[in-house]
Amino acid sequence: MEKLYIFIMCAGLAVAGYFGYQWWQGSQSVETISIEESETEAPAEANMAEAEETQTEDAGSSEPAEQETAPVMSDEVTGYEQGEEMARLEIPKIENAYKTFWGADDATLKQGVGMYVSEWTTTPDQKRHTVLSGHRDTVFTELGELETGDMLALEYDGKRYEYEISKTWITDKDDRTVIVDKDTPTLTLTTCYPLDYLGNAPDRYIIQAELVSVSE
């Protein structure tokens, strides 16, 4: 009986140690920031308004418009290795910033936030649909505090892309309608739900945001 008790204790400690290490590994990619630190100098809509003005001028010009090039989807990008750090996500409301890694496979998500790579999604510079995923128990522990109108920022390749949250919802973990191509610049965050669930959560929590500015 004593041996069984010792075995159970050792097994429990091993499991606790394993999950503790997983939590520690993911949490290392999270950085605390201040709200002032995340603010940009220009008004949020400034760069988007400038872009719209340029488009209007082009539309009124007698010169023939250049043919629009097709976006480069993320599965066509060859510049990153799976699990390579390549961007930084900021969520000012909860004063956290997250190292962001290429890919959303299990190994990558253990490092922190992962950028989904697929034929339907892009990096933010392509101004289509960028999807970021993270575990609810390591990096996205406070995602439930975000509301419509809150801001997100994604730093990528020397530029800062700011988005305003337009919608949040809960869906089944097998829902395949979330990760789709979009014509408008969109950032989507996904994590397992319920956020305090123990074990494999049955649902996904989705946050969708629209691009409002781009700055250097």
N, C-alpha and C. Protein backbone atom coordinates (compact mmCIF):
# COMPACT_ATOMS: atom_id res chain seq x y z
N MET A 1 0.82 -1.21 0.00
CA MET A 1 0.00 0.00 0.00
C MET A 1 0.86 1.26 0.00
N GLU A 2 1.92 1.18 0.80
CA GLU A 2 2.82 2.34 0.88
C GLU A 2 3.49 2.61 -0.46
N LYS A 3 3.86 1.53 -1.17
CA LYS A 3 4.48 1.69 -2.49
C LYS A 3 3.52 2.33 -3.48
N LEU A 4 2.24 1.93 -3.41
CA LEU A 4 1.23 2.50 -4.30
C LEU A 4 1.06 3.99 -4.02
N TYR A 5 1.05 4.34 -2.74
CA TYR A 5 0.92 5.75 -2.34
C TYR A 5 2.09 6.57 -2.88
N ILE A 6 3.30 6.02 -2.75
CA ILE A 6 4.49 6.71 -3.24
C ILE A 6 4.44 6.87 -4.76
N PHE A 7 3.98 5.80 -5.44
CA PHE A 7 3.86 5.86 -6.90
C PHE A 7 2.88 6.94 -7.34
N ILE A 8 1.72 6.99 -6.66
CA ILE A 8 0.71 8.01 -7.00
C ILE A 8 1.26 9.41 -6.78
N MET A 9 1.98 9.59 -5.68
CA MET A 9 2.58 10.89 -5.38
C MET A 9 3.59 11.29 -6.46
N CYS A 10 4.44 10.35 -6.85
CA CYS A 10 5.46 10.64 -7.87
C CYS A 10 4.82 10.95 -9.21
N ALA A 11 3.77 10.18 -9.55
CA ALA A 11 3.07 10.42 -10.82
C ALA A 11 2.42 11.79 -10.81
N GLY A 12 1.82 12.15 -9.67
CA GLY A 12 1.18 13.46 -9.56
C GLY A 12 2.19 14.59 -9.69
N LEU A 13 3.33 14.44 -9.05
CA LEU A 13 4.38 15.46 -9.14
C LEU A 13 4.92 15.57 -10.56
N ALA A 14 5.04 14.43 -11.24
CA ALA A 14 5.53 14.45 -12.62
C ALA A 14 4.57 15.18 -13.54
N VAL A 15 3.27 14.91 -13.38
CA VAL A 15 2.25 15.58 -14.20
C VAL A 15 2.24 17.07 -13.90
N ALA A 16 2.28 17.42 -12.61
CA ALA A 16 2.29 18.83 -12.22
C ALA A 16 3.52 19.54 -12.77
N GLY A 17 4.66 18.85 -12.70
CA GLY A 17 5.88 19.44 -13.22
C GLY A 17 5.83 19.66 -14.72
N TYR A 18 5.25 18.69 -15.44
CA TYR A 18 5.14 18.80 -16.90
C TYR A 18 4.29 20.00 -17.29
N PHE A 19 3.09 20.11 -16.70
CA PHE A 19 2.20 21.21 -17.05
C PHE A 19 2.74 22.54 -16.54
N GLY A 20 3.45 22.49 -15.41
CA GLY A 20 4.07 23.71 -14.91
C GLY A 20 5.13 24.22 -15.87
N TYR A 21 5.89 23.31 -16.43
CA TYR A 21 6.91 23.70 -17.41
C TYR A 21 6.27 24.26 -18.66
N GLN A 22 5.16 23.63 -19.14
CA GLN A 22 4.45 24.13 -20.32
C GLN A 22 3.97 25.56 -20.09
N TRP A 23 3.42 25.82 -18.90
CA TRP A 23 2.94 27.16 -18.57
C TRP A 23 4.11 28.14 -18.55
N TRP A 24 5.20 27.75 -17.91
CA TRP A 24 6.36 28.63 -17.81
C TRP A 24 6.91 28.95 -19.19
N GLN A 25 7.01 27.95 -20.06
CA GLN A 25 7.57 28.15 -21.39
C GLN A 25 6.74 29.16 -22.18
N GLY A 26 5.41 29.01 -22.15
CA GLY A 26 4.55 29.93 -22.89
C GLY A 26 4.56 31.32 -22.31
N SER A 27 4.59 31.42 -20.97
CA SER A 27 4.53 32.73 -20.33
C SER A 27 5.79 33.55 -20.54
N GLN A 28 6.89 32.91 -20.93
CA GLN A 28 8.13 33.65 -21.18
C GLN A 28 8.01 34.58 -22.38
N SER A 29 7.02 34.35 -23.25
CA SER A 29 6.86 35.18 -24.44
C SER A 29 5.97 36.38 -24.19
N VAL A 30 5.46 36.52 -22.94
CA VAL A 30 4.56 37.63 -22.60
C VAL A 30 5.36 38.72 -21.89
N GLU A 31 5.12 39.97 -22.31
CA GLU A 31 5.82 41.12 -21.74
C GLU A 31 4.79 42.13 -21.25
N THR A 32 5.00 42.67 -20.07
CA THR A 32 4.10 43.69 -19.54
C THR A 32 4.48 45.05 -20.13
N ILE A 33 3.47 45.79 -20.61
CA ILE A 33 3.70 47.13 -21.16
C ILE A 33 2.77 48.10 -20.46
N SER A 34 3.06 49.40 -20.60
CA SER A 34 2.15 50.42 -20.09
C SER A 34 1.29 50.92 -21.24
N ILE A 35 0.14 51.50 -20.92
CA ILE A 35 -0.74 52.02 -21.95
C ILE A 35 -0.03 53.12 -22.74
N GLU A 36 0.74 53.96 -22.03
CA GLU A 36 1.46 55.05 -22.71
C GLU A 36 2.46 54.49 -23.71
N GLU A 37 3.06 53.37 -23.37
CA GLU A 37 4.07 52.75 -24.22
C GLU A 37 3.47 52.30 -25.55
N SER A 38 2.20 51.92 -25.52
CA SER A 38 1.57 51.37 -26.72
C SER A 38 0.91 52.43 -27.59
N GLU A 39 0.86 53.68 -27.14
CA GLU A 39 0.22 54.73 -27.91
C GLU A 39 1.11 55.18 -29.06
N THR A 40 0.49 55.52 -30.19
CA THR A 40 1.23 56.05 -31.33
C THR A 40 1.08 57.55 -31.37
N GLU A 41 1.98 58.24 -32.08
CA GLU A 41 1.94 59.69 -32.14
C GLU A 41 0.80 60.21 -32.99
N ALA A 42 0.51 59.54 -34.10
CA ALA A 42 -0.53 60.00 -35.01
C ALA A 42 -1.89 59.50 -34.57
N PRO A 43 -2.98 60.24 -34.92
CA PRO A 43 -4.32 59.75 -34.63
C PRO A 43 -4.54 58.41 -35.32
N ALA A 44 -5.41 57.61 -34.76
CA ALA A 44 -5.59 56.24 -35.26
C ALA A 44 -5.96 56.17 -36.71
N GLU A 45 -6.81 57.12 -37.19
CA GLU A 45 -7.31 57.02 -38.56
C GLU A 45 -6.44 57.74 -39.58
N ALA A 46 -5.37 58.39 -39.14
CA ALA A 46 -4.61 59.26 -40.02
C ALA A 46 -4.08 58.55 -41.25
N ASN A 47 -3.39 57.45 -41.05
CA ASN A 47 -2.78 56.76 -42.19
C ASN A 47 -3.80 56.13 -43.10
N MET A 48 -4.90 55.62 -42.54
CA MET A 48 -5.94 55.04 -43.37
C MET A 48 -6.62 56.10 -44.20
N ALA A 49 -6.84 57.30 -43.60
CA ALA A 49 -7.46 58.40 -44.34
C ALA A 49 -6.57 58.83 -45.49
N GLU A 50 -5.26 58.87 -45.25
CA GLU A 50 -4.32 59.24 -46.30
C GLU A 50 -4.36 58.24 -47.44
N ALA A 51 -4.45 56.96 -47.08
CA ALA A 51 -4.52 55.92 -48.10
C ALA A 51 -5.78 56.04 -48.93
N GLU A 52 -6.92 56.35 -48.26
CA GLU A 52 -8.19 56.49 -48.97
C GLU A 52 -8.14 57.70 -49.90
N GLU A 53 -7.48 58.79 -49.45
CA GLU A 53 -7.37 59.98 -50.27
C GLU A 53 -6.57 59.69 -51.53
N THR A 54 -5.48 58.92 -51.37
CA THR A 54 -4.66 58.55 -52.52
C THR A 54 -5.45 57.73 -53.51
N GLN A 55 -6.27 56.81 -53.00
CA GLN A 55 -7.08 55.98 -53.87
C GLN A 55 -8.09 56.82 -54.63
N THR A 56 -8.66 57.84 -53.95
CA THR A 56 -9.63 58.72 -54.59
C THR A 56 -8.99 59.51 -55.71
N GLU A 57 -7.77 60.01 -55.45
CA GLU A 57 -7.05 60.77 -56.47
C GLU A 57 -6.75 59.89 -57.67
N ASP A 58 -6.35 58.65 -57.40
CA ASP A 58 -6.06 57.73 -58.50
C ASP A 58 -7.30 57.45 -59.33
N ALA A 59 -8.46 57.37 -58.65
CA ALA A 59 -9.69 57.07 -59.37
C ALA A 59 -10.07 58.22 -60.29
N GLY A 60 -9.74 59.46 -59.89
CA GLY A 60 -10.10 60.61 -60.71
C GLY A 60 -9.06 60.95 -61.75
N SER A 61 -7.95 60.29 -61.77
CA SER A 61 -6.89 60.58 -62.72
C SER A 61 -7.21 59.98 -64.08
N SER A 62 -6.71 60.65 -65.12
CA SER A 62 -6.94 60.15 -66.47
C SER A 62 -5.94 59.06 -66.83
N GLU A 63 -4.89 58.89 -65.97
CA GLU A 63 -3.89 57.86 -66.22
C GLU A 63 -4.50 56.49 -65.94
N PRO A 64 -4.18 55.50 -66.73
CA PRO A 64 -4.71 54.16 -66.47
C PRO A 64 -4.16 53.60 -65.16
N ALA A 65 -5.03 53.01 -64.35
CA ALA A 65 -4.62 52.47 -63.06
C ALA A 65 -3.79 51.20 -63.26
N GLU A 66 -2.79 51.03 -62.37
CA GLU A 66 -1.96 49.84 -62.45
C GLU A 66 -2.78 48.62 -62.02
N GLN A 67 -2.53 47.52 -62.64
CA GLN A 67 -3.26 46.31 -62.31
C GLN A 67 -2.88 45.85 -60.90
N GLU A 68 -3.90 45.57 -60.09
CA GLU A 68 -3.68 45.17 -58.72
C GLU A 68 -3.06 43.77 -58.68
N THR A 69 -2.00 43.65 -57.88
CA THR A 69 -1.34 42.35 -57.79
C THR A 69 -2.06 41.47 -56.77
N ALA A 70 -2.03 40.19 -57.00
CA ALA A 70 -2.68 39.24 -56.09
C ALA A 70 -1.91 39.19 -54.77
N PRO A 71 -2.62 39.07 -53.65
CA PRO A 71 -1.93 39.00 -52.35
C PRO A 71 -1.11 37.72 -52.23
N VAL A 72 -0.05 37.81 -51.44
CA VAL A 72 0.76 36.63 -51.15
C VAL A 72 0.17 35.97 -49.91
N MET A 73 -0.39 34.79 -50.06
CA MET A 73 -0.98 34.09 -48.92
C MET A 73 0.14 33.52 -48.04
N SER A 74 -0.18 33.32 -46.78
CA SER A 74 0.87 32.94 -45.83
C SER A 74 1.53 31.60 -46.15
N ASP A 75 0.79 30.69 -46.79
CA ASP A 75 1.42 29.41 -47.13
C ASP A 75 2.38 29.52 -48.31
N GLU A 76 2.45 30.71 -48.92
CA GLU A 76 3.39 30.95 -50.01
C GLU A 76 4.65 31.66 -49.52
N VAL A 77 4.64 32.11 -48.27
CA VAL A 77 5.78 32.82 -47.69
C VAL A 77 6.88 31.82 -47.36
N THR A 78 8.09 32.12 -47.80
CA THR A 78 9.22 31.20 -47.58
C THR A 78 10.30 31.79 -46.67
N GLY A 79 10.06 32.99 -46.15
CA GLY A 79 11.11 33.66 -45.39
C GLY A 79 11.22 33.26 -43.93
N TYR A 80 10.32 32.41 -43.43
CA TYR A 80 10.35 32.04 -42.01
C TYR A 80 10.36 30.53 -41.83
N GLU A 81 11.05 30.11 -40.78
CA GLU A 81 11.01 28.71 -40.37
C GLU A 81 9.86 28.51 -39.38
N GLN A 82 9.32 27.32 -39.34
CA GLN A 82 8.26 27.01 -38.39
C GLN A 82 8.76 27.28 -36.98
N GLY A 83 7.99 28.07 -36.21
CA GLY A 83 8.36 28.37 -34.84
C GLY A 83 9.30 29.55 -34.70
N GLU A 84 9.62 30.23 -35.80
CA GLU A 84 10.53 31.39 -35.74
C GLU A 84 9.79 32.63 -35.27
N GLU A 85 10.40 33.40 -34.36
CA GLU A 85 9.79 34.65 -33.92
C GLU A 85 9.82 35.66 -35.06
N MET A 86 8.66 36.29 -35.38
CA MET A 86 8.61 37.16 -36.55
C MET A 86 7.67 38.36 -36.39
N ALA A 87 7.03 38.52 -35.25
CA ALA A 87 6.13 39.66 -35.05
C ALA A 87 5.92 39.87 -33.56
N ARG A 88 5.18 40.93 -33.23
CA ARG A 88 4.89 41.24 -31.82
C ARG A 88 3.47 41.79 -31.72
N LEU A 89 2.67 41.15 -30.90
CA LEU A 89 1.28 41.58 -30.67
C LEU A 89 1.20 42.39 -29.39
N GLU A 90 0.50 43.52 -29.44
CA GLU A 90 0.26 44.33 -28.24
C GLU A 90 -1.24 44.42 -27.98
N ILE A 91 -1.62 44.25 -26.72
CA ILE A 91 -3.01 44.46 -26.31
C ILE A 91 -2.99 45.50 -25.19
N PRO A 92 -3.17 46.78 -25.52
CA PRO A 92 -3.03 47.86 -24.54
C PRO A 92 -3.96 47.74 -23.34
N LYS A 93 -5.19 47.28 -23.54
CA LYS A 93 -6.15 47.25 -22.43
C LYS A 93 -5.67 46.40 -21.27
N ILE A 94 -5.05 45.27 -21.57
CA ILE A 94 -4.56 44.40 -20.49
C ILE A 94 -3.05 44.57 -20.27
N GLU A 95 -2.47 45.56 -20.98
CA GLU A 95 -1.07 45.96 -20.81
C GLU A 95 -0.11 44.79 -20.99
N ASN A 96 -0.35 44.02 -22.04
CA ASN A 96 0.53 42.90 -22.36
C ASN A 96 0.98 42.96 -23.81
N ALA A 97 2.20 42.51 -24.05
CA ALA A 97 2.72 42.33 -25.41
C ALA A 97 3.21 40.89 -25.53
N TYR A 98 3.12 40.35 -26.75
CA TYR A 98 3.40 38.93 -26.95
C TYR A 98 4.34 38.71 -28.13
N LYS A 99 5.41 37.99 -27.90
CA LYS A 99 6.22 37.54 -29.03
C LYS A 99 5.34 36.64 -29.89
N THR A 100 5.44 36.81 -31.20
CA THR A 100 4.59 36.05 -32.11
C THR A 100 5.46 35.21 -33.04
N PHE A 101 5.09 33.95 -33.18
CA PHE A 101 5.91 32.98 -33.90
C PHE A 101 5.20 32.48 -35.16
N TRP A 102 5.98 32.03 -36.13
CA TRP A 102 5.45 31.57 -37.41
C TRP A 102 4.86 30.17 -37.28
N GLY A 103 3.57 30.07 -37.54
CA GLY A 103 2.90 28.78 -37.45
C GLY A 103 1.99 28.68 -36.24
N ALA A 104 1.06 27.72 -36.29
CA ALA A 104 0.13 27.53 -35.17
C ALA A 104 0.01 26.04 -34.80
N ASP A 105 1.08 25.30 -35.03
CA ASP A 105 1.11 23.89 -34.64
C ASP A 105 1.37 23.79 -33.14
N ASP A 106 1.23 22.60 -32.58
CA ASP A 106 1.37 22.42 -31.13
C ASP A 106 2.72 22.90 -30.60
N ALA A 107 3.79 22.56 -31.30
CA ALA A 107 5.13 22.94 -30.84
C ALA A 107 5.30 24.45 -30.81
N THR A 108 4.77 25.14 -31.82
CA THR A 108 4.89 26.60 -31.89
C THR A 108 4.06 27.26 -30.80
N LEU A 109 2.83 26.79 -30.58
CA LEU A 109 1.96 27.40 -29.58
C LEU A 109 2.48 27.20 -28.16
N LYS A 110 3.35 26.21 -27.96
CA LYS A 110 3.98 26.06 -26.65
C LYS A 110 4.94 27.21 -26.38
N GLN A 111 5.44 27.85 -27.45
CA GLN A 111 6.35 28.99 -27.30
C GLN A 111 5.60 30.27 -26.99
N GLY A 112 4.34 30.37 -27.45
CA GLY A 112 3.58 31.59 -27.25
C GLY A 112 2.50 31.74 -28.31
N VAL A 113 2.32 32.95 -28.81
CA VAL A 113 1.31 33.23 -29.83
C VAL A 113 1.84 32.79 -31.20
N GLY A 114 0.99 32.13 -31.98
CA GLY A 114 1.40 31.67 -33.30
C GLY A 114 0.57 32.32 -34.40
N MET A 115 1.22 32.65 -35.52
CA MET A 115 0.50 33.19 -36.68
C MET A 115 0.10 32.04 -37.59
N TYR A 116 -1.18 31.94 -37.85
CA TYR A 116 -1.72 30.85 -38.65
C TYR A 116 -1.21 30.93 -40.09
N VAL A 117 -0.73 29.81 -40.61
CA VAL A 117 -0.21 29.74 -41.97
C VAL A 117 -1.16 28.88 -42.80
N SER A 118 -1.75 29.48 -43.85
CA SER A 118 -2.70 28.73 -44.67
C SER A 118 -2.91 29.42 -46.01
N GLU A 119 -3.69 28.82 -46.86
CA GLU A 119 -4.02 29.40 -48.16
C GLU A 119 -5.09 30.48 -48.05
N TRP A 120 -5.64 30.69 -46.85
CA TRP A 120 -6.71 31.68 -46.66
C TRP A 120 -6.26 32.89 -45.86
N THR A 121 -5.06 32.85 -45.28
CA THR A 121 -4.61 33.93 -44.42
C THR A 121 -3.30 34.54 -44.92
N THR A 122 -3.01 35.76 -44.44
CA THR A 122 -1.80 36.46 -44.88
C THR A 122 -1.09 37.10 -43.69
N THR A 123 0.12 37.57 -43.94
CA THR A 123 0.80 38.45 -43.00
C THR A 123 0.13 39.82 -43.09
N PRO A 124 0.26 40.68 -42.07
CA PRO A 124 -0.50 41.95 -42.05
C PRO A 124 -0.20 42.90 -43.21
N ASP A 125 1.00 42.83 -43.77
CA ASP A 125 1.35 43.75 -44.86
C ASP A 125 0.52 43.51 -46.11
N GLN A 126 -0.07 42.33 -46.26
CA GLN A 126 -0.89 42.03 -47.42
C GLN A 126 -2.31 42.57 -47.27
N LYS A 127 -2.64 43.04 -46.06
CA LYS A 127 -3.93 43.68 -45.77
C LYS A 127 -5.12 42.80 -46.17
N ARG A 128 -5.06 41.55 -45.72
CA ARG A 128 -6.19 40.63 -45.91
C ARG A 128 -6.58 40.08 -44.52
N HIS A 129 -6.47 38.81 -44.32
CA HIS A 129 -6.89 38.22 -43.04
C HIS A 129 -5.69 37.60 -42.33
N THR A 130 -5.33 38.17 -41.19
CA THR A 130 -4.25 37.65 -40.37
C THR A 130 -4.85 37.01 -39.13
N VAL A 131 -4.46 35.77 -38.84
CA VAL A 131 -5.03 35.03 -37.71
C VAL A 131 -3.92 34.64 -36.73
N LEU A 132 -4.12 34.99 -35.45
CA LEU A 132 -3.18 34.64 -34.39
C LEU A 132 -3.87 33.73 -33.39
N SER A 133 -3.18 32.68 -32.96
CA SER A 133 -3.73 31.75 -31.98
C SER A 133 -2.80 31.65 -30.77
N GLY A 134 -3.39 31.35 -29.61
CA GLY A 134 -2.60 31.18 -28.40
C GLY A 134 -3.36 30.36 -27.38
N HIS A 135 -2.63 29.70 -26.49
CA HIS A 135 -3.28 28.91 -25.44
C HIS A 135 -3.89 29.82 -24.39
N ARG A 136 -5.07 29.46 -23.90
CA ARG A 136 -5.78 30.27 -22.91
C ARG A 136 -5.12 30.23 -21.54
N ASP A 137 -4.34 29.18 -21.27
CA ASP A 137 -3.76 29.02 -19.94
C ASP A 137 -2.31 29.48 -19.84
N THR A 138 -1.75 29.99 -20.94
CA THR A 138 -0.37 30.49 -20.89
C THR A 138 -0.26 31.95 -21.35
N VAL A 139 -0.73 32.25 -22.55
CA VAL A 139 -0.57 33.61 -23.07
C VAL A 139 -1.87 34.41 -23.08
N PHE A 140 -2.98 33.78 -23.48
CA PHE A 140 -4.24 34.51 -23.62
C PHE A 140 -5.14 34.34 -22.40
N THR A 141 -4.57 34.41 -21.21
CA THR A 141 -5.33 34.21 -19.98
C THR A 141 -6.34 35.32 -19.72
N GLU A 142 -6.09 36.53 -20.25
CA GLU A 142 -6.97 37.68 -19.97
C GLU A 142 -7.76 38.13 -21.20
N LEU A 143 -7.85 37.28 -22.21
CA LEU A 143 -8.52 37.67 -23.45
C LEU A 143 -10.00 37.98 -23.23
N GLY A 144 -10.61 37.36 -22.22
CA GLY A 144 -12.03 37.59 -21.95
C GLY A 144 -12.34 39.00 -21.49
N GLU A 145 -11.33 39.78 -21.13
CA GLU A 145 -11.55 41.16 -20.68
C GLU A 145 -11.74 42.13 -21.84
N LEU A 146 -11.42 41.70 -23.06
CA LEU A 146 -11.49 42.61 -24.20
C LEU A 146 -12.92 42.77 -24.69
N GLU A 147 -13.22 43.99 -25.20
CA GLU A 147 -14.56 44.32 -25.66
C GLU A 147 -14.49 45.00 -27.02
N THR A 148 -15.65 45.11 -27.66
CA THR A 148 -15.74 45.84 -28.92
C THR A 148 -15.25 47.27 -28.71
N GLY A 149 -14.41 47.75 -29.61
CA GLY A 149 -13.85 49.10 -29.51
C GLY A 149 -12.45 49.13 -28.93
N ASP A 150 -12.02 48.07 -28.26
CA ASP A 150 -10.65 48.01 -27.74
C ASP A 150 -9.67 47.87 -28.91
N MET A 151 -8.42 48.28 -28.66
CA MET A 151 -7.42 48.29 -29.72
C MET A 151 -6.44 47.12 -29.59
N LEU A 152 -5.96 46.67 -30.75
CA LEU A 152 -4.88 45.69 -30.84
C LEU A 152 -3.81 46.28 -31.76
N ALA A 153 -2.56 45.92 -31.56
CA ALA A 153 -1.49 46.38 -32.44
C ALA A 153 -0.58 45.21 -32.77
N LEU A 154 -0.18 45.14 -34.03
CA LEU A 154 0.71 44.06 -34.47
C LEU A 154 1.91 44.69 -35.17
N GLU A 155 3.09 44.47 -34.61
CA GLU A 155 4.33 44.98 -35.21
C GLU A 155 4.92 43.89 -36.09
N TYR A 156 5.13 44.25 -37.36
CA TYR A 156 5.63 43.25 -38.31
C TYR A 156 6.47 43.92 -39.38
N ASP A 157 7.66 43.42 -39.59
CA ASP A 157 8.54 43.87 -40.67
C ASP A 157 8.72 45.39 -40.67
N GLY A 158 8.96 45.96 -39.49
CA GLY A 158 9.26 47.38 -39.38
C GLY A 158 8.06 48.30 -39.39
N LYS A 159 6.86 47.76 -39.39
CA LYS A 159 5.65 48.60 -39.38
C LYS A 159 4.73 48.17 -38.25
N ARG A 160 3.88 49.11 -37.86
CA ARG A 160 2.92 48.87 -36.79
C ARG A 160 1.50 48.95 -37.36
N TYR A 161 0.76 47.88 -37.21
CA TYR A 161 -0.61 47.81 -37.72
C TYR A 161 -1.56 47.85 -36.52
N GLU A 162 -2.43 48.86 -36.50
CA GLU A 162 -3.37 49.00 -35.38
C GLU A 162 -4.77 48.61 -35.84
N TYR A 163 -5.44 47.83 -34.99
CA TYR A 163 -6.77 47.32 -35.30
C TYR A 163 -7.73 47.66 -34.17
N GLU A 164 -9.00 47.85 -34.52
CA GLU A 164 -10.05 48.08 -33.53
C GLU A 164 -10.98 46.86 -33.50
N ILE A 165 -11.22 46.33 -32.31
CA ILE A 165 -12.07 45.15 -32.18
C ILE A 165 -13.50 45.48 -32.61
N SER A 166 -14.03 44.69 -33.52
CA SER A 166 -15.38 44.92 -34.05
C SER A 166 -16.37 43.84 -33.61
N LYS A 167 -15.84 42.68 -33.18
CA LYS A 167 -16.75 41.58 -32.87
C LYS A 167 -16.04 40.52 -32.04
N THR A 168 -16.76 39.92 -31.09
CA THR A 168 -16.26 38.76 -30.35
C THR A 168 -17.37 37.72 -30.30
N TRP A 169 -16.99 36.45 -30.36
CA TRP A 169 -18.01 35.40 -30.26
C TRP A 169 -17.37 34.07 -29.88
N ILE A 170 -18.23 33.13 -29.54
CA ILE A 170 -17.81 31.78 -29.16
C ILE A 170 -18.34 30.80 -30.21
N THR A 171 -17.50 29.87 -30.62
CA THR A 171 -17.91 28.90 -31.62
C THR A 171 -17.35 27.52 -31.28
N ASP A 172 -17.86 26.50 -31.94
CA ASP A 172 -17.39 25.14 -31.72
C ASP A 172 -15.93 25.00 -32.19
N LYS A 173 -15.17 24.15 -31.54
CA LYS A 173 -13.75 24.00 -31.88
C LYS A 173 -13.54 23.48 -33.30
N ASP A 174 -14.55 22.84 -33.88
CA ASP A 174 -14.42 22.31 -35.23
C ASP A 174 -14.98 23.25 -36.30
N ASP A 175 -15.38 24.46 -35.91
CA ASP A 175 -15.92 25.43 -36.86
C ASP A 175 -14.83 25.86 -37.84
N ARG A 176 -15.06 25.64 -39.13
CA ARG A 176 -14.07 25.98 -40.15
C ARG A 176 -14.41 27.28 -40.89
N THR A 177 -15.39 28.03 -40.39
CA THR A 177 -15.79 29.27 -41.06
C THR A 177 -15.03 30.49 -40.53
N VAL A 178 -14.21 30.29 -39.50
CA VAL A 178 -13.46 31.42 -38.92
C VAL A 178 -12.24 31.75 -39.77
N ILE A 179 -11.50 30.74 -40.16
CA ILE A 179 -10.26 30.96 -40.92
C ILE A 179 -10.58 30.90 -42.41
N VAL A 180 -10.93 32.07 -42.94
CA VAL A 180 -11.29 32.20 -44.36
C VAL A 180 -10.61 33.44 -44.93
N ASP A 181 -10.54 33.52 -46.24
CA ASP A 181 -9.97 34.70 -46.90
C ASP A 181 -10.91 35.88 -46.71
N LYS A 182 -10.35 37.08 -46.58
CA LYS A 182 -11.16 38.30 -46.45
C LYS A 182 -10.58 39.38 -47.36
N ASP A 183 -11.47 40.20 -47.92
CA ASP A 183 -11.03 41.30 -48.78
C ASP A 183 -10.58 42.51 -47.98
N THR A 184 -11.07 42.66 -46.75
CA THR A 184 -10.74 43.80 -45.92
C THR A 184 -9.67 43.41 -44.90
N PRO A 185 -8.77 44.34 -44.54
CA PRO A 185 -7.70 44.03 -43.58
C PRO A 185 -8.27 43.68 -42.21
N THR A 186 -8.08 42.46 -41.79
CA THR A 186 -8.69 41.95 -40.55
C THR A 186 -7.67 41.18 -39.73
N LEU A 187 -7.72 41.38 -38.41
CA LEU A 187 -6.90 40.59 -37.49
C LEU A 187 -7.84 39.78 -36.61
N THR A 188 -7.62 38.48 -36.55
CA THR A 188 -8.44 37.59 -35.73
C THR A 188 -7.57 36.90 -34.68
N LEU A 189 -8.03 36.92 -33.42
CA LEU A 189 -7.37 36.19 -32.34
C LEU A 189 -8.26 35.01 -31.97
N THR A 190 -7.66 33.84 -31.77
CA THR A 190 -8.42 32.66 -31.37
C THR A 190 -7.76 31.97 -30.18
N THR A 191 -8.58 31.44 -29.29
CA THR A 191 -8.08 30.64 -28.18
C THR A 191 -9.16 29.67 -27.75
N CYS A 192 -8.81 28.69 -26.94
CA CYS A 192 -9.79 27.71 -26.47
C CYS A 192 -10.75 28.34 -25.46
N TYR A 193 -11.96 27.78 -25.38
CA TYR A 193 -13.00 28.31 -24.50
C TYR A 193 -13.81 27.15 -23.94
N PRO A 194 -14.27 27.24 -22.69
CA PRO A 194 -14.16 28.30 -21.71
C PRO A 194 -12.70 28.56 -21.28
N LEU A 195 -12.43 29.80 -20.92
CA LEU A 195 -11.06 30.19 -20.61
C LEU A 195 -10.55 29.52 -19.33
N ASP A 196 -11.46 29.14 -18.43
CA ASP A 196 -11.04 28.50 -17.18
C ASP A 196 -11.30 27.00 -17.18
N TYR A 197 -11.48 26.43 -18.37
CA TYR A 197 -11.81 25.01 -18.49
C TYR A 197 -10.57 24.15 -18.25
N LEU A 198 -10.75 23.04 -17.53
CA LEU A 198 -9.65 22.11 -17.31
C LEU A 198 -9.74 20.98 -18.34
N GLY A 199 -8.66 20.73 -19.05
CA GLY A 199 -8.67 19.70 -20.08
C GLY A 199 -8.87 20.29 -21.46
N ASN A 200 -9.28 19.45 -22.41
CA ASN A 200 -9.49 19.90 -23.78
C ASN A 200 -10.82 20.65 -23.90
N ALA A 201 -10.74 21.96 -24.10
CA ALA A 201 -11.95 22.79 -24.16
C ALA A 201 -12.76 22.49 -25.42
N PRO A 202 -14.10 22.52 -25.32
CA PRO A 202 -14.95 22.15 -26.46
C PRO A 202 -15.17 23.27 -27.47
N ASP A 203 -14.87 24.51 -27.08
CA ASP A 203 -15.19 25.65 -27.95
C ASP A 203 -13.97 26.52 -28.21
N ARG A 204 -14.18 27.54 -29.05
CA ARG A 204 -13.14 28.52 -29.35
C ARG A 204 -13.70 29.92 -29.12
N TYR A 205 -12.86 30.79 -28.54
CA TYR A 205 -13.22 32.20 -28.34
C TYR A 205 -12.55 33.00 -29.44
N ILE A 206 -13.35 33.79 -30.16
CA ILE A 206 -12.86 34.51 -31.34
C ILE A 206 -12.97 36.01 -31.12
N ILE A 207 -11.91 36.73 -31.42
CA ILE A 207 -11.91 38.19 -31.42
C ILE A 207 -11.52 38.66 -32.81
N GLN A 208 -12.36 39.49 -33.40
CA GLN A 208 -12.08 39.99 -34.76
C GLN A 208 -11.94 41.51 -34.72
N ALA A 209 -10.92 42.02 -35.40
CA ALA A 209 -10.64 43.46 -35.38
C ALA A 209 -10.32 43.95 -36.79
N GLU A 210 -10.66 45.23 -37.04
CA GLU A 210 -10.45 45.82 -38.36
C GLU A 210 -9.31 46.83 -38.32
N LEU A 211 -8.52 46.87 -39.38
CA LEU A 211 -7.37 47.77 -39.46
C LEU A 211 -7.81 49.23 -39.49
N VAL A 212 -7.18 50.07 -38.64
CA VAL A 212 -7.49 51.50 -38.63
C VAL A 212 -6.28 52.36 -38.95
N SER A 213 -5.06 51.84 -38.79
CA SER A 213 -3.89 52.65 -39.12
C SER A 213 -2.66 51.77 -39.33
N VAL A 214 -1.72 52.33 -40.11
CA VAL A 214 -0.42 51.70 -40.33
C VAL A 214 0.63 52.77 -40.17
N SER A 215 1.66 52.51 -39.36
CA SER A 215 2.71 53.49 -39.16
C SER A 215 4.07 52.81 -39.14
N GLU A 216 5.11 53.62 -39.36
CA GLU A 216 6.48 53.09 -39.36
C GLU A 216 6.95 52.85 -37.92
